[in-house]
Amino acid sequence: MTAEDDCCAKLPTTEPQRRLAPTAAQTAQIADSVPMNRLGTPEDIAHVCLFLGSESAAYVNGQVFASDGGWALTGAKMPIASLHSQN
């Protein structure tokens, strides 16, 4: 899996991000809905991957890691469908 495969990470520099929110206003809406008040970066995903590939994760099994700045924990305050209803 690559960082581009994870649409929930809301990476600003990927094709899936451009498809999800093609305008600057839509991108800002998504960033504002993230508790960390910013979009994720490829480095945010890389840190998770590095951890999972390290000895520190040797006992980790069957987990889903949401590297989304807390977006999923808040109930995703802004539904993605609302972006497309504005077009």
Protein backbone atom coordinates (compact mmCIF):
# COMPACT_ATOMS: atom_id res chain seq x y z
CA MET A 1 0.00 0.00 0.00
CA THR A 2 1.24 3.46 -0.82
CA ALA A 3 0.38 6.75 0.80
CA GLU A 4 -1.74 7.57 -2.26
CA ASP A 5 -3.94 4.53 -1.59
CA ASP A 6 -5.07 5.93 1.76
CA CYS A 7 -7.69 8.56 0.92
CA CYS A 8 -8.51 9.04 4.60
CA ALA A 9 -5.08 10.48 5.22
CA LYS A 10 -6.09 13.49 3.13
CA LEU A 11 -2.68 13.97 1.58
CA PRO A 12 -2.50 17.33 -0.19
CA THR A 13 -0.06 16.28 -2.88
CA THR A 14 -1.71 13.18 -4.30
CA GLU A 15 -4.06 12.49 -7.18
CA PRO A 16 -6.74 11.03 -4.86
CA GLN A 17 -6.66 14.29 -2.84
CA ARG A 18 -7.07 16.35 -5.99
CA ARG A 19 -10.04 14.19 -7.00
CA LEU A 20 -11.61 14.39 -3.54
CA ALA A 21 -11.30 18.17 -3.25
CA PRO A 22 -10.34 19.77 -6.55
CA THR A 23 -10.70 23.37 -5.37
CA ALA A 24 -8.75 25.27 -2.74
CA ALA A 25 -11.99 25.98 -0.87
CA GLN A 26 -12.85 22.28 -0.69
CA THR A 27 -9.33 21.44 0.48
CA ALA A 28 -9.60 24.11 3.18
CA GLN A 29 -12.95 22.65 4.31
CA ILE A 30 -11.36 19.24 4.76
CA ALA A 31 -8.34 20.67 6.61
CA ASP A 32 -10.66 22.62 8.92
CA SER A 33 -12.55 19.44 9.77
CA VAL A 34 -9.39 17.66 10.96
CA PRO A 35 -8.73 18.07 14.71
CA MET A 36 -5.05 18.80 14.01
CA ASN A 37 -6.20 21.63 11.68
CA ARG A 38 -4.06 20.51 8.78
CA LEU A 39 -3.94 17.94 6.04
CA GLY A 40 -1.73 14.92 6.38
CA THR A 41 1.58 14.72 4.59
CA PRO A 42 3.38 11.83 2.94
CA GLU A 43 5.78 11.97 5.89
CA ASP A 44 2.89 11.35 8.31
CA ILE A 45 2.16 8.09 6.51
CA ALA A 46 5.86 7.25 6.24
CA HIS A 47 6.24 7.47 10.03
CA VAL A 48 3.48 4.89 10.49
CA CYS A 49 5.10 2.64 7.87
CA LEU A 50 8.51 2.98 9.53
CA PHE A 51 7.01 2.03 12.88
CA LEU A 52 5.24 -1.00 11.41
CA GLY A 53 8.45 -2.11 9.74
CA SER A 54 10.48 -1.72 12.92
CA GLU A 55 11.23 -4.11 15.74
CA SER A 56 9.02 -1.92 17.94
CA ALA A 57 5.99 -3.27 16.08
CA ALA A 58 7.03 -6.91 16.37
CA TYR A 59 4.01 -7.77 18.52
CA VAL A 60 1.48 -5.70 16.54
CA ASN A 61 -1.03 -7.87 14.75
CA GLY A 62 -4.37 -7.29 13.03
CA GLN A 63 -4.65 -3.55 13.63
CA VAL A 64 -5.89 -0.70 11.51
CA PHE A 65 -3.85 2.47 11.90
CA ALA A 66 -5.72 5.64 11.02
CA SER A 67 -3.12 8.28 10.28
CA ASP A 68 -5.75 10.96 9.78
CA GLY A 69 -5.04 13.62 12.39
CA GLY A 70 -7.96 12.45 14.52
CA TRP A 71 -10.52 12.99 11.76
CA ALA A 72 -12.20 9.58 12.16
CA LEU A 73 -12.38 9.93 15.96
CA THR A 74 -14.48 13.07 15.69
CA GLY A 75 -17.08 11.38 13.53
CA ALA A 76 -15.73 13.11 10.43
CA LYS A 77 -17.57 16.37 11.11
CA MET A 78 -17.70 17.24 7.43
CA PRO A 79 -19.12 14.44 5.26
CA ILE A 80 -17.24 14.06 1.99
CA ALA A 81 -20.58 14.05 0.13
CA SER A 82 -21.11 17.66 1.18
CA LEU A 83 -18.09 18.69 -0.90
CA HIS A 84 -19.63 17.35 -4.06
CA SER A 85 -23.10 18.77 -3.38
CA GLN A 86 -21.55 22.25 -3.66
CA ASN A 87 -20.48 21.76 -7.28
